[in-house]
Protein backbone atom coordinates (compact mmCIF):
# COMPACT_ATOMS: atom_id res chain seq x y z
CA UNK A 1 34.44 -35.59 64.96
CA UNK A 2 33.01 -33.18 67.56
CA UNK A 3 36.45 -31.70 68.22
CA UNK A 4 37.01 -31.11 64.50
CA UNK A 5 33.59 -29.44 64.14
CA UNK A 6 34.47 -27.14 67.05
CA UNK A 7 37.90 -26.37 65.57
CA UNK A 8 36.20 -25.37 62.32
CA UNK A 9 33.72 -23.20 64.20
CA UNK A 10 36.56 -21.46 66.04
CA UNK A 11 38.43 -20.93 62.78
CA UNK A 12 35.31 -19.43 61.19
CA UNK A 13 34.97 -16.97 64.07
CA UNK A 14 31.71 -18.40 65.41
CA UNK A 15 33.22 -18.22 68.91
CA UNK A 16 35.41 -15.18 69.59
CA UNK A 17 38.45 -15.12 71.91
CA UNK A 18 37.28 -14.87 75.53
CA UNK A 19 33.75 -16.13 74.75
CA UNK A 20 32.21 -18.60 77.19
CA UNK A 21 31.30 -21.95 75.63
CA UNK A 22 27.85 -22.89 76.90
CA UNK A 23 27.93 -26.67 76.71
CA UNK A 24 24.16 -27.16 76.80
CA UNK A 25 23.69 -24.93 73.76
CA UNK A 26 26.63 -26.39 71.83
CA UNK A 27 25.44 -29.94 72.52
CA UNK A 28 21.99 -28.98 71.24
CA UNK A 29 23.36 -27.19 68.16
CA UNK A 30 25.60 -30.15 67.26
CA UNK A 31 22.95 -32.73 68.21
CA UNK A 32 25.39 -34.58 70.49
CA UNK A 33 25.32 -35.60 74.14
CA UNK A 34 27.23 -33.77 76.86
CA UNK A 35 29.78 -36.50 77.63
CA UNK A 36 31.49 -36.67 74.19
CA UNK A 37 31.23 -32.87 73.97
CA UNK A 38 33.14 -32.53 77.23
CA UNK A 39 35.78 -34.94 75.95
CA UNK A 40 36.10 -32.90 72.74
CA UNK A 41 36.46 -29.67 74.75
CA UNK A 42 39.22 -31.25 76.85
CA UNK A 43 41.01 -32.17 73.60
CA UNK A 44 40.80 -28.54 72.46
CA UNK A 45 42.02 -27.40 75.87
CA UNK A 46 45.08 -29.65 75.48
CA UNK A 47 45.70 -27.92 72.14
CA UNK A 48 45.44 -24.47 73.73
CA UNK A 49 42.31 -23.49 71.79
CA UNK A 50 40.06 -23.30 74.85
CA UNK A 51 40.72 -22.73 78.55
CA UNK A 52 38.88 -24.04 81.63
CA UNK A 53 38.39 -21.02 83.91
CA UNK A 54 37.12 -21.14 87.50
CA UNK A 55 33.49 -20.03 87.83
CA UNK A 56 33.19 -19.60 84.05
CA UNK A 57 33.79 -23.03 82.62
CA UNK A 58 35.27 -23.46 79.15
CA UNK A 59 36.10 -20.25 77.28
CA UNK A 60 37.83 -19.62 73.95
CA UNK A 61 41.53 -18.93 74.51
CA UNK A 62 42.35 -15.23 74.49
CA UNK A 63 45.99 -14.49 73.73
CA UNK A 64 48.01 -11.43 74.61
CA UNK A 65 50.28 -9.57 72.23
CA UNK A 66 53.42 -11.43 73.35
CA UNK A 67 51.70 -14.80 72.92
CA UNK A 68 50.52 -13.93 69.41
CA UNK A 69 54.06 -12.82 68.57
CA UNK A 70 55.33 -16.16 69.90
CA UNK A 71 52.89 -18.04 67.66
CA UNK A 72 54.37 -16.35 64.61
CA UNK A 73 57.91 -17.10 65.85
CA UNK A 74 56.96 -20.78 66.06
CA UNK A 75 55.51 -20.65 62.55
CA UNK A 76 58.79 -19.16 61.30
CA UNK A 77 60.71 -22.05 62.85
CA UNK A 78 58.46 -24.78 61.44
CA UNK A 79 56.95 -23.78 58.11
CA UNK A 80 59.95 -22.67 56.00
CA UNK A 81 61.87 -25.78 57.10
CA UNK A 82 59.41 -27.96 55.16
CA UNK A 83 60.18 -26.37 51.78
CA UNK A 84 62.48 -29.14 50.48
CA UNK A 85 60.04 -31.92 51.38
CA UNK A 86 57.09 -29.95 49.98
CA UNK A 87 58.81 -29.52 46.62
CA UNK A 88 59.76 -33.21 46.51
CA UNK A 89 56.19 -34.26 47.26
CA UNK A 90 54.51 -31.83 44.87
CA UNK A 91 52.97 -33.07 41.60
CA UNK A 92 51.56 -31.02 38.71
CA UNK A 93 47.99 -31.64 39.85
CA UNK A 94 48.89 -30.27 43.31
CA UNK A 95 50.22 -27.09 41.71
CA UNK A 96 47.03 -26.70 39.71
CA UNK A 97 44.86 -27.20 42.79
CA UNK A 98 46.88 -24.64 44.77
CA UNK A 99 46.73 -22.16 41.89
CA UNK A 100 42.93 -22.48 41.85
CA UNK A 101 42.75 -21.96 45.61
CA UNK A 102 44.99 -18.89 45.40
CA UNK A 103 42.71 -17.35 42.78
CA UNK A 104 39.61 -18.17 44.82
CA UNK A 105 41.14 -16.40 47.82
CA UNK A 106 41.86 -13.35 45.65
CA UNK A 107 38.31 -13.33 44.32
CA UNK A 108 36.88 -13.13 47.86
CA UNK A 109 38.38 -9.67 48.42
CA UNK A 110 37.97 -8.57 52.05
CA UNK A 111 35.34 -11.22 52.89
CA UNK A 112 37.15 -12.41 56.04
CA UNK A 113 35.12 -15.58 56.59
CA UNK A 114 35.41 -16.80 53.01
CA UNK A 115 39.10 -15.94 52.79
CA UNK A 116 39.83 -17.67 56.10
CA UNK A 117 38.35 -21.00 55.00
CA UNK A 118 40.17 -20.96 51.66
CA UNK A 119 43.42 -19.68 53.18
CA UNK A 120 43.40 -22.56 55.67
CA UNK A 121 42.86 -25.04 52.82
CA UNK A 122 45.69 -23.46 50.81
CA UNK A 123 48.29 -23.62 53.58
CA UNK A 124 47.19 -27.02 54.85
CA UNK A 125 47.45 -28.50 51.38
CA UNK A 126 50.95 -27.08 50.88
CA UNK A 127 52.27 -28.41 54.18
CA UNK A 128 50.65 -31.81 53.78
CA UNK A 129 52.76 -32.31 50.65
CA UNK A 130 55.80 -32.62 52.93
CA UNK A 131 54.37 -35.80 54.49
CA UNK A 132 55.92 -34.68 57.80
CA UNK A 133 52.81 -35.60 59.76
CA UNK A 134 53.91 -34.57 63.24
CA UNK A 135 55.26 -31.21 62.10
CA UNK A 136 52.13 -30.58 60.04
CA UNK A 137 49.98 -31.37 63.07
CA UNK A 138 51.80 -28.73 65.13
CA UNK A 139 51.52 -26.21 62.28
CA UNK A 140 47.80 -26.93 62.03
CA UNK A 141 47.42 -26.16 65.72
CA UNK A 142 49.30 -22.87 65.28
CA UNK A 143 47.11 -21.90 62.31
CA UNK A 144 43.99 -22.50 64.41
CA UNK A 145 45.35 -20.46 67.32
CA UNK A 146 46.32 -17.45 65.20
CA UNK A 147 43.22 -17.42 62.97
CA UNK A 148 40.94 -15.22 65.14
CA UNK A 149 43.62 -12.50 65.17
CA UNK A 150 44.40 -12.80 61.45
CA UNK A 151 40.69 -12.46 60.72
CA UNK A 152 40.61 -9.02 62.40
CA UNK A 153 43.35 -7.85 60.05
CA UNK A 154 41.64 -9.25 56.95
CA UNK A 155 38.45 -7.39 57.88
CA UNK A 156 40.47 -4.16 57.74
CA UNK A 157 41.16 -4.83 54.03
CA UNK A 158 44.78 -3.68 54.40
CA UNK A 159 47.52 -5.15 52.22
CA UNK A 160 45.40 -8.01 50.91
CA UNK A 161 46.98 -7.65 47.46
CA UNK A 162 50.36 -8.51 48.98
CA UNK A 163 48.93 -11.67 50.54
CA UNK A 164 47.43 -12.73 47.22
CA UNK A 165 50.68 -12.05 45.39
CA UNK A 166 52.65 -14.13 47.90
CA UNK A 167 50.23 -17.02 47.40
CA UNK A 168 50.90 -16.80 43.67
CA UNK A 169 54.67 -16.74 44.31
CA UNK A 170 54.36 -19.92 46.40
CA UNK A 171 52.53 -21.61 43.54
CA UNK A 172 55.17 -20.41 41.06
CA UNK A 173 58.01 -21.72 43.26
CA UNK A 174 56.30 -25.11 43.42
CA UNK A 175 55.75 -25.17 39.68
CA UNK A 176 59.46 -24.47 39.17
CA UNK A 177 60.55 -26.92 41.88
CA UNK A 178 62.46 -24.13 43.66
CA UNK A 179 62.58 -24.96 47.38
CA UNK A 180 64.71 -21.94 48.28
CA UNK A 181 62.26 -19.56 46.63
CA UNK A 182 59.36 -21.29 48.38
CA UNK A 183 61.05 -20.96 51.79
CA UNK A 184 61.74 -17.25 51.18
CA UNK A 185 58.12 -16.55 50.26
CA UNK A 186 56.85 -18.48 53.28
CA UNK A 187 59.10 -16.39 55.55
CA UNK A 188 57.94 -13.12 53.93
CA UNK A 189 54.32 -14.27 54.19
CA UNK A 190 54.56 -15.06 57.91
CA UNK A 191 56.53 -11.90 58.77
CA UNK A 192 54.06 -9.72 56.88
CA UNK A 193 51.11 -11.38 58.61
CA UNK A 194 52.78 -11.03 62.01
CA UNK A 195 53.43 -7.31 61.54
CA UNK A 196 49.86 -6.60 60.47
CA UNK A 197 48.25 -8.73 63.17
CA UNK A 198 50.37 -7.15 65.92
CA UNK A 199 49.55 -3.69 64.58
CA UNK A 200 45.84 -4.57 64.69
CA UNK A 201 46.23 -5.66 68.33
């Protein structure tokens, strides 16, 4: 529970890359004791979200350009490959829920925090339809790692209409049961995000 609360805080940008995690303050803010907090931080360290640095303690992972590029390469290997299973597992009510999320994301404009939370829900819900639990768990980790860098791009307000349109295309592909179209849009979506995030770096 503590680890998930910290993951959410990292995704929301409450702790920026390179920031030191002061355990006393976090324990107080979360109203938890230090021992389970330390265990949660070690879980996040195993996931690559935080790093234990000598003389500094736990800090939020700070990735270089090549590492961010590698994250997107991993996403390209994993996410489009789920398209067939996603389409098979998708029901009309799932399409409706994803359509509503896509429109909510659009309505948030360049509000990076609000978009980030909804965008995470949108992509998580799509990939969970595949019922490939191990793959989805790795994708979830990648989404958490890349989020601080994606947020910088969203704040710039550049090309957000393209993102929103691609979300709508994903929904349309699911409504039509077209796995090939879904895979193509996922690839375009990841490549576009990669190019913008790397340019922002």
